[in-house]
Amino acid sequence: MSSSKMLIFCAFVFLFSATQIASAATFLEENGVVVMEAESSAANGSWKLQRSLSGYSGSGYLFWSGSDSFAVSSAGRGTITYRFKIQKAGNYQFRWRSRIGHGRSRTEHNDSWVRFPTGKNIAGEQALNGWTKVYMNTLDKWVWQSATVDHVGRTLRQYFSAGEHTVQISGRSHGHAIDRLSLYRYSDVSFSEAKFNGFSQSRTVGSSGSSNNTVAATQPAPTPAAEEQTATSTTTSATSSSSSSSSSTSASNGASGNTSTSTTTVDTVADDAVANVAAPVVSVSGDTLSWDEVSAIVVNVHRGNGEWITSLASSETSWQAPSSGTYYLVATGEGSWETWGRSETVTVELSAGTDAAGENNSTVDASNELNLTVQVYSSSAVELFWNTDAARELSFEVRRNNELLTVSDGQSFFEEGLQAGSEHQYAITAINPAGDVVATQNIAATTYGDALSLTAPALITATAEVYSQSALELFWNATDVNQFDVYQDGQLLGQTDGKSYFIENLTTDTEYEFVVKGVDFNGNNVESNTQRVKTYAPDWQ
């Protein structure tokens, strides 16, 4: 890069960074706690500011109205950034106050993505190296419940040096609502719902009191708007992981959280002692990017437009691109994003219709690849689900009765407000980055009506998943039934209008028999297949 270009680049980064810092609201950690209202940063993407669920604090809460983004590769949709200042460096635990804002299942519509771009992993705790799934599983109320790792329930902990930091959220499950975010130094501050509900929002730097003003969301670094830009990248890795718990009783999706005590600390690194990370020098051969090993925490791979793709160990020196396009690498370090090393953008050109594995993907068998299904929830709501491994770079057009409803990079679509007893033809069309249609699949759905004419009783199909020596969960699909009785060994265990049922306090290494029963819209008594399930033995790991 020439000297003149370097000067322009440095000036651009400085001016952009100064603008970002000046416009951001920075919440102040005091006495080991920082609390931020979710709506204190402006709703972005499919996040919506709402007030319909009672019991929220502040001026409202954020509700993810977009489609599901379950794959970590799709994390980052509607990213919202919150800035805070730590006065006393240390190990902090993250919790948010959230709620299931849609449906009646404790294991659905209950999670979002979280990322700590400026945090540092703690020895003895699970590493959080990027976008991490964070969930809760309590119905009908706001709770400070935040766990990660399915069926285990780990807490989220990071080390923060003294100074300014950021935490980011993005949409994962349609219907998840977030009211507040908090970080607290768990060695000094004990947690209780009542205590945290009573906290006021933290002061912002330079203010004298609480602030509920909505401010514009900011990123920790600029995203290149065009390929010739070489501004420092923003994102870190996206491996979903977890932390051990000391005081949290947060449970996983359908299972109680395991807890363990850990107060391991890390050495404090003075801000002025953090060295810049060398930028990888990347070369391209075919579909492979190569570089010399760099000293970094992880090496993040991005598309030329700034989109994060994956994270690699610092010892990795090559990566295979999945498709033609532009890419760059970011070598991350212990300091803030300004000290990270960003490579120049390189171009990968693959043969038309060929992916990185050398297989032709110009045509896709829709019936095999999209796996389209539909779930009717009520007389007015349905949801479509699909999944495909054919190409990770697809976008999807959703049509109802030939009308385009949305274009999404997710793999589900929820729709409500339909007429009772109405039939609809849905079509999902998969499109590759070049704009070519590579798959289409159709499916029909009929909403529940006031009176359905059934020629046979409805069906209930049940499955089960064992979580531990004493806990399991039943799941079932059903047509034309909206109230269910759950039986264990012939005895009524409970009733629900959902389609799952969590059972705990069972005996270790014991087999149980479960049946789900109901009455369909035509008055027929129906029951599921019998599920025989055995809890884990005492030595199960």
Protein backbone atom coordinates (compact mmCIF):
# COMPACT_ATOMS: atom_id res chain seq x y z
CA MET A 1 0.00 0.00 0.00
CA SER A 2 1.42 3.40 -0.87
CA SER A 3 2.19 6.05 1.73
CA SER A 4 -0.62 8.29 0.50
CA LYS A 5 -3.15 5.48 0.70
CA MET A 6 -1.95 4.63 4.19
CA LEU A 7 -2.42 8.22 5.35
CA ILE A 8 -5.94 8.30 3.91
CA PHE A 9 -6.74 4.98 5.58
CA CYS A 10 -5.45 6.13 8.98
CA ALA A 11 -7.36 9.39 8.71
CA PHE A 12 -10.53 7.50 7.83
CA VAL A 13 -10.21 5.14 10.78
CA PHE A 14 -9.46 7.99 13.19
CA LEU A 15 -12.35 10.15 12.05
CA PHE A 16 -14.77 7.23 11.99
CA SER A 17 -13.70 6.05 15.42
CA ALA A 18 -13.95 9.54 16.89
CA THR A 19 -17.47 9.91 15.49
CA GLN A 20 -18.50 6.54 16.88
CA ILE A 21 -17.16 7.26 20.35
CA ALA A 22 -18.66 10.73 20.47
CA SER A 23 -22.16 9.53 19.49
CA ALA A 24 -22.33 6.47 21.76
CA ALA A 25 -23.97 6.40 25.19
CA THR A 26 -21.56 4.73 27.62
CA PHE A 27 -23.04 3.23 30.79
CA LEU A 28 -20.89 3.37 33.92
CA GLU A 29 -20.10 0.38 36.13
CA GLU A 30 -20.45 1.36 39.77
CA ASN A 31 -19.98 -0.87 42.81
CA GLY A 32 -19.51 -3.86 40.55
CA VAL A 33 -22.74 -3.52 38.56
CA VAL A 34 -23.78 -2.04 35.22
CA VAL A 35 -27.44 -2.19 34.09
CA MET A 36 -28.66 -1.15 30.63
CA GLU A 37 -32.23 -0.97 29.35
CA ALA A 38 -32.52 -2.94 26.10
CA GLU A 39 -34.27 -0.01 24.42
CA SER A 40 -31.43 2.37 25.37
CA SER A 41 -29.96 1.47 21.97
CA ALA A 42 -32.19 1.89 18.94
CA ALA A 43 -34.02 -1.17 17.62
CA ASN A 44 -32.23 -2.52 14.55
CA GLY A 45 -33.29 -4.93 11.81
CA SER A 46 -36.26 -7.01 12.96
CA TRP A 47 -35.96 -5.92 16.61
CA LYS A 48 -39.10 -3.97 17.53
CA LEU A 49 -39.72 -1.68 20.48
CA GLN A 50 -42.87 -2.98 22.17
CA ARG A 51 -44.92 -2.41 25.33
CA SER A 52 -47.68 -5.03 25.13
CA LEU A 53 -46.18 -7.46 27.71
CA SER A 54 -46.71 -6.00 31.18
CA GLY A 55 -44.02 -5.85 33.83
CA TYR A 56 -41.21 -4.37 31.76
CA SER A 57 -38.93 -1.65 33.10
CA GLY A 58 -37.94 1.57 31.40
CA SER A 59 -39.87 2.73 28.34
CA GLY A 60 -40.42 -0.69 26.74
CA TYR A 61 -38.57 -3.79 25.61
CA LEU A 62 -37.12 -5.22 22.40
CA PHE A 63 -38.94 -8.06 20.62
CA TRP A 64 -37.36 -10.13 17.84
CA SER A 65 -40.03 -10.15 15.11
CA GLY A 66 -37.79 -11.71 12.47
CA SER A 67 -37.51 -15.34 11.47
CA ASP A 68 -35.41 -17.84 13.42
CA SER A 69 -31.62 -17.72 12.96
CA PHE A 70 -30.57 -20.92 14.70
CA ALA A 71 -27.32 -21.56 12.81
CA VAL A 72 -24.33 -19.71 14.22
CA SER A 73 -23.41 -18.84 10.64
CA SER A 74 -26.57 -16.70 10.49
CA ALA A 75 -25.89 -14.90 13.79
CA GLY A 76 -25.55 -11.14 13.62
CA ARG A 77 -28.96 -10.27 12.13
CA GLY A 78 -30.17 -7.00 13.60
CA THR A 79 -27.01 -6.52 15.66
CA ILE A 80 -27.41 -3.96 18.47
CA THR A 81 -24.37 -2.69 20.37
CA TYR A 82 -24.27 -1.41 23.97
CA ARG A 83 -21.27 0.47 25.32
CA PHE A 84 -20.24 0.45 28.98
CA LYS A 85 -17.27 1.59 31.06
CA ILE A 86 -15.64 -0.60 33.69
CA GLN A 87 -14.09 1.29 36.60
CA LYS A 88 -12.72 -1.75 38.42
CA ALA A 89 -11.24 -4.52 36.29
CA GLY A 90 -12.33 -8.05 37.11
CA ASN A 91 -14.44 -11.07 36.24
CA TYR A 92 -18.02 -10.18 35.37
CA GLN A 93 -21.13 -12.29 34.81
CA PHE A 94 -23.73 -11.44 32.19
CA ARG A 95 -27.50 -11.69 32.69
CA TRP A 96 -30.42 -10.25 30.84
CA ARG A 97 -34.03 -9.85 31.90
CA SER A 98 -36.06 -11.49 29.17
CA ARG A 99 -39.31 -13.27 28.43
CA ILE A 100 -40.88 -15.76 26.02
CA GLY A 101 -43.01 -13.37 24.01
CA HIS A 102 -44.70 -15.85 21.70
CA GLY A 103 -46.25 -19.31 22.07
CA ARG A 104 -46.63 -21.58 25.09
CA SER A 105 -43.46 -23.67 24.95
CA ARG A 106 -40.65 -23.20 27.48
CA THR A 107 -38.10 -24.37 24.90
CA GLU A 108 -39.12 -22.19 21.94
CA HIS A 109 -38.96 -18.41 21.32
CA ASN A 110 -36.67 -18.21 24.34
CA ASP A 111 -33.18 -17.24 23.16
CA SER A 112 -31.05 -14.70 21.32
CA TRP A 113 -27.37 -14.33 20.35
CA VAL A 114 -24.86 -12.44 22.54
CA ARG A 115 -21.29 -11.41 21.80
CA PHE A 116 -18.57 -9.70 23.86
CA PRO A 117 -16.17 -8.15 21.33
CA THR A 118 -13.97 -6.61 24.03
CA GLY A 119 -14.19 -9.22 26.78
CA LYS A 120 -11.51 -11.75 27.66
CA ASN A 121 -12.01 -15.41 28.52
CA ILE A 122 -11.36 -16.48 32.11
CA ALA A 123 -9.15 -19.44 32.96
CA GLY A 124 -11.33 -22.22 34.34
CA GLU A 125 -14.46 -20.87 32.65
CA GLN A 126 -15.84 -21.86 29.28
CA ALA A 127 -14.45 -19.67 26.49
CA LEU A 128 -16.88 -17.30 24.78
CA ASN A 129 -15.21 -16.62 21.47
CA GLY A 130 -18.03 -15.00 19.56
CA TRP A 131 -21.80 -15.19 19.01
CA THR A 132 -23.18 -17.35 21.79
CA LYS A 133 -26.71 -18.68 22.18
CA VAL A 134 -28.21 -17.44 25.47
CA TYR A 135 -31.56 -18.82 26.60
CA MET A 136 -34.13 -19.00 29.40
CA ASN A 137 -37.10 -21.32 29.93
CA THR A 138 -39.73 -19.67 32.13
CA LEU A 139 -43.23 -18.90 30.86
CA ASP A 140 -45.41 -15.86 31.54
CA LYS A 141 -42.97 -13.59 33.36
CA TRP A 142 -39.82 -11.55 33.01
CA VAL A 143 -36.82 -13.33 34.55
CA TRP A 144 -33.08 -12.68 34.98
CA GLN A 145 -32.30 -16.10 33.54
CA SER A 146 -29.39 -16.40 31.10
CA ALA A 147 -27.76 -19.70 30.28
CA THR A 148 -25.81 -21.32 27.46
CA VAL A 149 -25.01 -24.90 26.37
CA ASP A 150 -28.19 -26.89 25.76
CA HIS A 151 -29.26 -29.30 28.50
CA VAL A 152 -26.48 -28.10 30.81
CA GLY A 153 -27.16 -24.43 31.57
CA ARG A 154 -23.82 -22.63 31.96
CA THR A 155 -23.37 -19.03 33.02
CA LEU A 156 -21.66 -16.40 30.85
CA ARG A 157 -18.54 -14.83 32.34
CA GLN A 158 -15.83 -12.59 30.96
CA TYR A 159 -12.89 -10.58 32.23
CA PHE A 160 -13.06 -6.84 31.49
CA SER A 161 -10.16 -4.47 31.95
CA ALA A 162 -10.74 -0.94 33.25
CA GLY A 163 -12.05 1.19 30.39
CA GLU A 164 -14.74 1.16 27.73
CA HIS A 165 -16.21 -2.08 26.38
CA THR A 166 -19.13 -3.30 24.28
CA VAL A 167 -21.68 -6.10 24.36
CA GLN A 168 -23.81 -6.98 21.33
CA ILE A 169 -27.08 -8.84 20.81
CA SER A 170 -28.66 -10.21 17.63
CA GLY A 171 -31.85 -12.09 16.79
CA ARG A 172 -32.06 -15.89 17.07
CA SER A 173 -35.57 -17.09 18.01
CA HIS A 174 -38.72 -15.38 16.76
CA GLY A 175 -40.66 -14.03 19.73
CA HIS A 176 -37.86 -13.59 22.28
CA ALA A 177 -38.25 -10.35 24.25
CA ILE A 178 -35.41 -8.59 26.10
CA ASP A 179 -36.03 -5.93 28.75
CA ARG A 180 -32.61 -5.25 30.35
CA LEU A 181 -28.95 -6.31 30.19
CA SER A 182 -26.56 -6.43 33.12
CA LEU A 183 -22.96 -7.27 33.99
CA TYR A 184 -21.83 -7.69 37.60
CA ARG A 185 -18.61 -8.56 39.39
CA TYR A 186 -19.83 -11.82 40.88
CA SER A 187 -17.06 -12.10 43.48
CA ASP A 188 -18.38 -8.90 45.10
CA VAL A 189 -22.07 -8.82 44.14
CA SER A 190 -24.55 -11.59 44.98
CA PHE A 191 -27.49 -12.11 42.65
CA SER A 192 -31.19 -12.13 43.44
CA GLU A 193 -34.21 -11.40 41.24
CA ALA A 194 -35.54 -8.82 43.69
CA LYS A 195 -32.21 -7.01 43.95
CA PHE A 196 -31.67 -6.79 40.19
CA ASN A 197 -35.29 -5.80 39.52
CA GLY A 198 -34.75 -2.93 41.95
CA PHE A 199 -31.64 -1.57 40.27
CA SER A 200 -32.01 1.64 38.29
CA GLN A 201 -30.42 1.87 34.89
CA SER A 202 -26.75 2.78 35.27
CA ARG A 203 -25.60 6.33 34.82
CA THR A 204 -24.00 7.24 31.53
CA VAL A 205 -20.51 8.73 31.54
CA GLY A 206 -20.74 12.46 32.08
CA SER A 207 -24.34 12.40 33.36
CA SER A 208 -25.56 12.82 36.94
CA GLY A 209 -28.47 10.45 36.98
CA SER A 210 -30.22 7.55 35.29
CA SER A 211 -30.84 7.80 31.60
CA ASN A 212 -33.53 6.06 29.60
CA ASN A 213 -32.98 8.04 26.43
CA THR A 214 -32.82 6.02 23.23
CA VAL A 215 -29.50 6.39 21.46
CA ALA A 216 -28.21 5.17 18.14
CA ALA A 217 -26.60 1.74 18.19
CA THR A 218 -22.93 1.74 17.27
CA GLN A 219 -20.45 -0.88 16.19
CA PRO A 220 -17.00 -1.19 17.79
CA ALA A 221 -15.40 -0.58 14.40
CA PRO A 222 -16.46 0.42 10.88
CA THR A 223 -17.62 -2.19 8.39
CA PRO A 224 -16.16 -1.69 4.90
CA ALA A 225 -18.78 -0.27 2.57
CA ALA A 226 -16.81 -1.21 -0.52
CA GLU A 227 -14.01 -3.61 -1.34
CA GLU A 228 -11.36 -0.93 -1.72
CA GLN A 229 -11.85 0.21 1.88
CA THR A 230 -9.42 -1.27 4.38
CA ALA A 231 -10.93 -0.08 7.67
CA THR A 232 -10.42 -2.28 10.68
CA SER A 233 -13.05 -5.00 11.01
CA THR A 234 -15.57 -5.19 13.79
CA THR A 235 -16.47 -8.77 14.44
CA THR A 236 -15.01 -11.52 16.51
CA SER A 237 -15.59 -15.25 16.37
CA ALA A 238 -18.87 -17.09 16.49
CA THR A 239 -18.39 -20.30 18.41
CA SER A 240 -21.25 -20.81 20.85
CA SER A 241 -19.95 -21.85 24.24
CA SER A 242 -20.42 -21.31 27.94
CA SER A 243 -19.20 -20.59 31.46
CA SER A 244 -19.44 -22.57 34.68
CA SER A 245 -21.93 -21.27 37.22
CA SER A 246 -21.41 -20.28 40.83
CA SER A 247 -24.75 -18.89 41.93
CA SER A 248 -27.03 -19.14 38.91
CA THR A 249 -29.90 -21.58 38.93
CA SER A 250 -30.68 -20.85 35.31
CA ALA A 251 -31.85 -23.94 33.48
CA SER A 252 -31.19 -25.07 29.95
CA ASN A 253 -33.82 -25.71 27.33
CA GLY A 254 -35.84 -28.17 29.30
CA ALA A 255 -33.19 -29.14 31.88
CA SER A 256 -31.89 -27.83 35.16
CA GLY A 257 -28.53 -26.03 34.95
CA ASN A 258 -25.44 -27.63 36.38
CA THR A 259 -23.59 -25.32 38.73
CA SER A 260 -20.04 -25.17 39.97
CA THR A 261 -18.10 -22.55 41.87
CA SER A 262 -15.25 -20.74 40.17
CA THR A 263 -13.56 -17.47 41.04
CA THR A 264 -10.47 -17.93 38.90
CA THR A 265 -8.90 -14.63 37.94
CA VAL A 266 -6.60 -13.56 35.17
CA ASP A 267 -3.70 -11.15 35.21
CA THR A 268 -4.71 -7.59 34.49
CA VAL A 269 -3.15 -6.21 31.33
CA ALA A 270 -2.62 -2.49 31.34
CA ASP A 271 -4.23 -0.79 28.36
CA ASP A 272 -1.01 0.96 27.37
CA ALA A 273 0.89 -2.36 27.43
CA VAL A 274 -1.22 -4.08 24.75
CA ALA A 275 0.68 -4.38 21.49
CA ASN A 276 -0.87 -4.23 18.05
CA VAL A 277 -1.52 -7.60 16.41
CA ALA A 278 0.26 -8.15 13.10
CA ALA A 279 -2.08 -8.35 10.12
CA PRO A 280 -2.05 -11.66 8.19
CA VAL A 281 -0.58 -11.43 4.68
CA VAL A 282 -2.93 -13.53 2.57
CA SER A 283 -2.34 -15.24 -0.77
CA VAL A 284 -4.90 -17.15 -2.86
CA SER A 285 -4.53 -20.40 -4.80
CA GLY A 286 -7.76 -21.67 -6.31
CA ASP A 287 -10.29 -21.74 -3.45
CA THR A 288 -7.69 -21.65 -0.65
CA LEU A 289 -6.48 -18.64 1.33
CA SER A 290 -3.01 -19.05 2.88
CA TRP A 291 -0.94 -16.95 5.27
CA ASP A 292 1.97 -17.25 7.72
CA GLU A 293 1.09 -18.03 11.33
CA VAL A 294 0.37 -14.91 13.39
CA SER A 295 0.34 -14.32 17.14
CA ALA A 296 -3.36 -13.88 17.91
CA ILE A 297 -6.20 -15.18 20.07
CA VAL A 298 -8.21 -16.26 17.01
CA VAL A 299 -8.19 -15.40 13.32
CA ASN A 300 -11.62 -14.34 12.05
CA VAL A 301 -12.63 -14.81 8.40
CA HIS A 302 -14.89 -12.17 6.84
CA ARG A 303 -16.46 -11.52 3.48
CA GLY A 304 -15.39 -8.36 1.75
CA ASN A 305 -18.58 -6.60 2.91
CA GLY A 306 -17.65 -7.21 6.57
CA GLU A 307 -19.86 -10.27 7.19
CA TRP A 308 -18.26 -12.71 9.65
CA ILE A 309 -17.93 -16.30 8.37
CA THR A 310 -15.89 -18.32 10.85
CA SER A 311 -13.08 -18.22 13.41
CA LEU A 312 -9.85 -20.20 13.25
CA ALA A 313 -7.20 -21.09 15.79
CA SER A 314 -4.17 -18.81 15.61
CA SER A 315 -2.08 -21.80 14.53
CA GLU A 316 -4.16 -22.22 11.36
CA THR A 317 -2.51 -20.91 8.19
CA SER A 318 -5.02 -21.79 5.46
CA TRP A 319 -8.77 -21.77 4.85
CA GLN A 320 -10.95 -23.05 1.98
CA ALA A 321 -13.50 -20.56 0.65
CA PRO A 322 -17.01 -21.99 0.12
CA SER A 323 -17.77 -19.85 -2.95
CA SER A 324 -16.44 -17.14 -5.24
CA GLY A 325 -16.16 -13.70 -3.69
CA THR A 326 -13.95 -11.37 -1.69
CA TYR A 327 -12.56 -12.15 1.77
CA TYR A 328 -10.27 -10.75 4.45
CA LEU A 329 -8.88 -11.93 7.80
CA VAL A 330 -8.75 -10.25 11.21
CA ALA A 331 -6.18 -11.41 13.78
CA THR A 332 -7.64 -10.59 17.22
CA GLY A 333 -5.65 -9.84 20.36
CA GLU A 334 -6.08 -8.99 24.03
CA GLY A 335 -6.62 -5.30 23.42
CA SER A 336 -9.54 -3.44 21.88
CA TRP A 337 -10.42 -3.74 18.20
CA GLU A 338 -8.10 -0.87 17.29
CA THR A 339 -5.11 -3.14 18.04
CA TRP A 340 -6.27 -6.05 15.85
CA GLY A 341 -4.62 -6.82 12.52
CA ARG A 342 -6.77 -6.78 9.37
CA SER A 343 -5.46 -8.24 6.13
CA GLU A 344 -6.03 -6.77 2.71
CA THR A 345 -9.07 -8.02 0.82
CA VAL A 346 -8.45 -10.89 -1.60
CA THR A 347 -10.60 -12.40 -4.34
CA VAL A 348 -11.54 -16.04 -4.90
CA GLU A 349 -12.85 -17.07 -8.31
CA LEU A 350 -14.34 -20.54 -8.66
CA SER A 351 -15.73 -22.12 -11.81
CA ALA A 352 -19.37 -21.32 -12.48
CA GLY A 353 -21.71 -23.70 -10.68
CA THR A 354 -18.91 -25.28 -8.63
CA ASP A 355 -18.52 -25.05 -4.87
CA ALA A 356 -15.35 -25.32 -2.80
CA ALA A 357 -15.55 -29.12 -2.75
CA GLY A 358 -15.54 -29.21 -6.55
CA GLU A 359 -19.13 -30.42 -6.73
CA ASN A 360 -21.67 -28.93 -9.07
CA ASN A 361 -24.33 -27.03 -7.15
CA SER A 362 -26.00 -25.19 -10.00
CA THR A 363 -29.09 -27.37 -9.64
CA VAL A 364 -30.56 -28.59 -6.38
CA ASP A 365 -33.25 -31.20 -5.88
CA ALA A 366 -35.72 -29.13 -3.86
CA SER A 367 -37.61 -32.06 -2.38
CA ASN A 368 -34.37 -33.52 -1.00
CA GLU A 369 -32.58 -30.32 -0.04
CA LEU A 370 -35.14 -27.91 1.46
CA ASN A 371 -37.01 -30.43 3.65
CA LEU A 372 -39.94 -28.02 3.90
CA THR A 373 -42.52 -28.62 6.65
CA VAL A 374 -45.37 -26.58 8.10
CA GLN A 375 -46.82 -26.29 11.59
CA VAL A 376 -50.38 -24.96 12.06
CA TYR A 377 -50.68 -23.33 15.48
CA SER A 378 -54.23 -21.99 15.52
CA SER A 379 -57.07 -20.66 13.39
CA SER A 380 -54.87 -17.72 12.34
CA ALA A 381 -51.18 -18.69 12.65
CA VAL A 382 -48.79 -21.04 10.86
CA GLU A 383 -45.02 -21.46 10.69
CA LEU A 384 -42.83 -22.88 7.92
CA PHE A 385 -39.53 -24.66 8.56
CA TRP A 386 -36.84 -25.74 6.11
CA ASN A 387 -33.18 -26.69 6.15
CA THR A 388 -30.54 -27.33 3.53
CA ASP A 389 -26.89 -28.26 3.43
CA ALA A 390 -26.64 -27.68 -0.33
CA ALA A 391 -25.10 -24.22 0.02
CA ARG A 392 -24.50 -22.05 3.07
CA GLU A 393 -24.81 -18.88 1.03
CA LEU A 394 -28.48 -19.17 0.00
CA SER A 395 -31.22 -16.66 0.61
CA PHE A 396 -34.87 -17.69 0.60
CA GLU A 397 -37.97 -16.12 -0.92
CA VAL A 398 -41.21 -16.95 0.90
CA ARG A 399 -44.46 -16.78 -1.08
CA ARG A 400 -48.08 -17.37 -0.13
CA ASN A 401 -50.52 -17.93 -2.97
CA ASN A 402 -47.87 -16.55 -5.38
CA GLU A 403 -47.46 -13.34 -3.33
CA LEU A 404 -43.90 -12.59 -2.17
CA LEU A 405 -43.99 -12.18 1.63
CA THR A 406 -40.32 -11.85 2.52
CA VAL A 407 -36.73 -12.64 1.56
CA SER A 408 -34.72 -14.15 4.41
CA ASP A 409 -31.40 -15.81 5.16
CA GLY A 410 -33.09 -17.75 7.99
CA GLN A 411 -34.74 -21.13 7.73
CA SER A 412 -38.21 -20.52 9.15
CA PHE A 413 -41.12 -18.16 8.63
CA PHE A 414 -43.95 -17.36 11.07
CA GLU A 415 -47.21 -15.82 9.89
CA GLU A 416 -50.31 -14.83 11.80
CA GLY A 417 -53.53 -12.93 11.07
CA LEU A 418 -54.86 -15.54 8.63
CA GLN A 419 -58.55 -16.40 8.36
CA ALA A 420 -59.94 -19.38 10.25
CA GLY A 421 -60.30 -22.50 8.12
CA SER A 422 -58.43 -20.94 5.18
CA GLU A 423 -56.14 -22.93 2.89
CA HIS A 424 -52.90 -21.46 1.58
CA GLN A 425 -50.19 -22.57 -0.84
CA TYR A 426 -46.70 -21.63 0.31
CA ALA A 427 -43.52 -21.75 -1.77
CA ILE A 428 -39.90 -21.45 -0.63
CA THR A 429 -37.38 -20.50 -3.32
CA ALA A 430 -33.63 -20.77 -2.63
CA ILE A 431 -31.36 -18.29 -4.44
CA ASN A 432 -27.57 -18.36 -4.59
CA PRO A 433 -25.30 -15.26 -4.41
CA ALA A 434 -25.28 -14.96 -8.20
CA GLY A 435 -29.08 -14.57 -8.17
CA ASP A 436 -29.82 -18.02 -9.62
CA VAL A 437 -32.78 -20.04 -8.37
CA VAL A 438 -31.31 -23.32 -7.13
CA ALA A 439 -34.33 -24.87 -5.37
CA THR A 440 -38.07 -24.44 -4.98
CA GLN A 441 -40.49 -26.39 -2.82
CA ASN A 442 -44.23 -25.97 -2.24
CA ILE A 443 -46.42 -26.92 0.68
CA ALA A 444 -50.08 -26.40 1.62
CA ALA A 445 -51.41 -25.31 5.02
CA THR A 446 -54.97 -24.96 6.32
CA THR A 447 -55.64 -22.98 9.49
CA TYR A 448 -57.94 -24.40 12.13
CA GLY A 449 -61.60 -23.59 11.59
CA ASP A 450 -64.57 -23.14 13.89
CA ALA A 451 -65.79 -26.62 12.93
CA LEU A 452 -63.68 -29.09 11.01
CA SER A 453 -65.21 -32.03 9.21
CA LEU A 454 -62.87 -34.89 9.99
CA THR A 455 -63.24 -38.37 8.54
CA ALA A 456 -60.87 -39.86 11.14
CA PRO A 457 -59.61 -38.93 14.59
CA ALA A 458 -56.62 -36.61 14.83
CA LEU A 459 -53.13 -37.97 15.38
CA ILE A 460 -50.62 -37.35 18.17
CA THR A 461 -47.04 -38.42 17.54
CA ALA A 462 -44.80 -38.30 20.63
CA THR A 463 -41.03 -38.47 21.12
CA ALA A 464 -38.86 -38.10 24.21
CA GLU A 465 -35.40 -36.86 25.13
CA VAL A 466 -33.56 -37.85 28.31
CA TYR A 467 -31.51 -35.03 29.86
CA SER A 468 -30.04 -36.58 33.00
CA GLN A 469 -30.45 -39.23 35.71
CA SER A 470 -33.70 -37.60 36.83
CA ALA A 471 -35.07 -35.39 34.05
CA LEU A 472 -36.51 -35.81 30.55
CA GLU A 473 -38.86 -34.01 28.18
CA LEU A 474 -41.71 -35.20 25.97
CA PHE A 475 -42.38 -33.60 22.58
CA TRP A 476 -45.25 -34.22 20.22
CA ASN A 477 -46.84 -33.16 16.97
CA ALA A 478 -50.62 -33.12 16.75
CA THR A 479 -53.35 -32.18 14.30
CA ASP A 480 -56.63 -30.59 15.39
CA VAL A 481 -55.98 -30.92 19.15
CA ASN A 482 -55.27 -27.96 21.43
CA GLN A 483 -55.39 -29.44 24.95
CA PHE A 484 -53.29 -32.41 26.07
CA ASP A 485 -53.19 -34.75 29.07
CA VAL A 486 -49.82 -36.32 29.88
CA TYR A 487 -49.83 -39.76 31.53
CA GLN A 488 -46.90 -41.43 33.29
CA ASP A 489 -47.27 -45.19 33.88
CA GLY A 490 -51.04 -44.86 33.48
CA GLN A 491 -51.41 -41.97 35.95
CA LEU A 492 -52.33 -38.43 34.89
CA LEU A 493 -49.21 -36.30 35.32
CA GLY A 494 -50.47 -32.93 34.08
CA GLN A 495 -52.21 -30.93 31.36
CA THR A 496 -50.90 -28.42 28.83
CA ASP A 497 -51.91 -26.56 25.70
CA GLY A 498 -48.31 -26.67 24.48
CA LYS A 499 -46.55 -29.45 22.62
CA SER A 500 -43.86 -30.37 25.09
CA TYR A 501 -43.75 -31.37 28.75
CA PHE A 502 -40.70 -31.29 31.03
CA ILE A 503 -40.52 -33.95 33.77
CA GLU A 504 -37.99 -34.03 36.63
CA ASN A 505 -37.39 -35.69 40.03
CA LEU A 506 -37.44 -39.12 38.39
CA THR A 507 -35.54 -42.14 39.71
CA THR A 508 -32.07 -42.89 38.34
CA ASP A 509 -31.74 -45.77 35.83
CA THR A 510 -35.50 -46.39 35.73
CA GLU A 511 -37.81 -46.99 32.76
CA TYR A 512 -41.06 -45.05 32.51
CA GLU A 513 -44.01 -45.24 30.12
CA PHE A 514 -45.63 -42.07 28.79
CA VAL A 515 -48.76 -41.41 26.73
CA VAL A 516 -50.22 -38.09 25.57
CA LYS A 517 -54.01 -37.90 25.17
CA GLY A 518 -56.46 -35.31 23.90
CA VAL A 519 -59.80 -34.61 22.25
CA ASP A 520 -59.87 -33.42 18.63
CA PHE A 521 -62.17 -30.76 17.19
CA ASN A 522 -64.69 -33.43 16.21
CA GLY A 523 -64.99 -34.77 19.74
CA ASN A 524 -62.88 -37.89 19.18
CA ASN A 525 -60.63 -39.16 21.99
CA VAL A 526 -57.11 -39.57 20.63
CA GLU A 527 -53.81 -40.62 22.16
CA SER A 528 -50.20 -40.81 21.13
CA ASN A 529 -47.94 -43.75 20.64
CA THR A 530 -46.51 -45.11 23.89
CA GLN A 531 -43.07 -43.76 24.76
CA ARG A 532 -40.89 -45.98 26.96
CA VAL A 533 -37.99 -43.95 28.30
CA LYS A 534 -35.18 -44.83 30.73
CA THR A 535 -33.30 -42.28 32.82
CA TYR A 536 -29.51 -42.32 32.82
CA ALA A 537 -27.57 -44.66 35.08
CA PRO A 538 -25.54 -43.21 38.02
CA ASP A 539 -22.23 -43.39 36.14
CA TRP A 540 -23.54 -41.48 33.11
CA GLN A 541 -21.27 -38.66 31.98
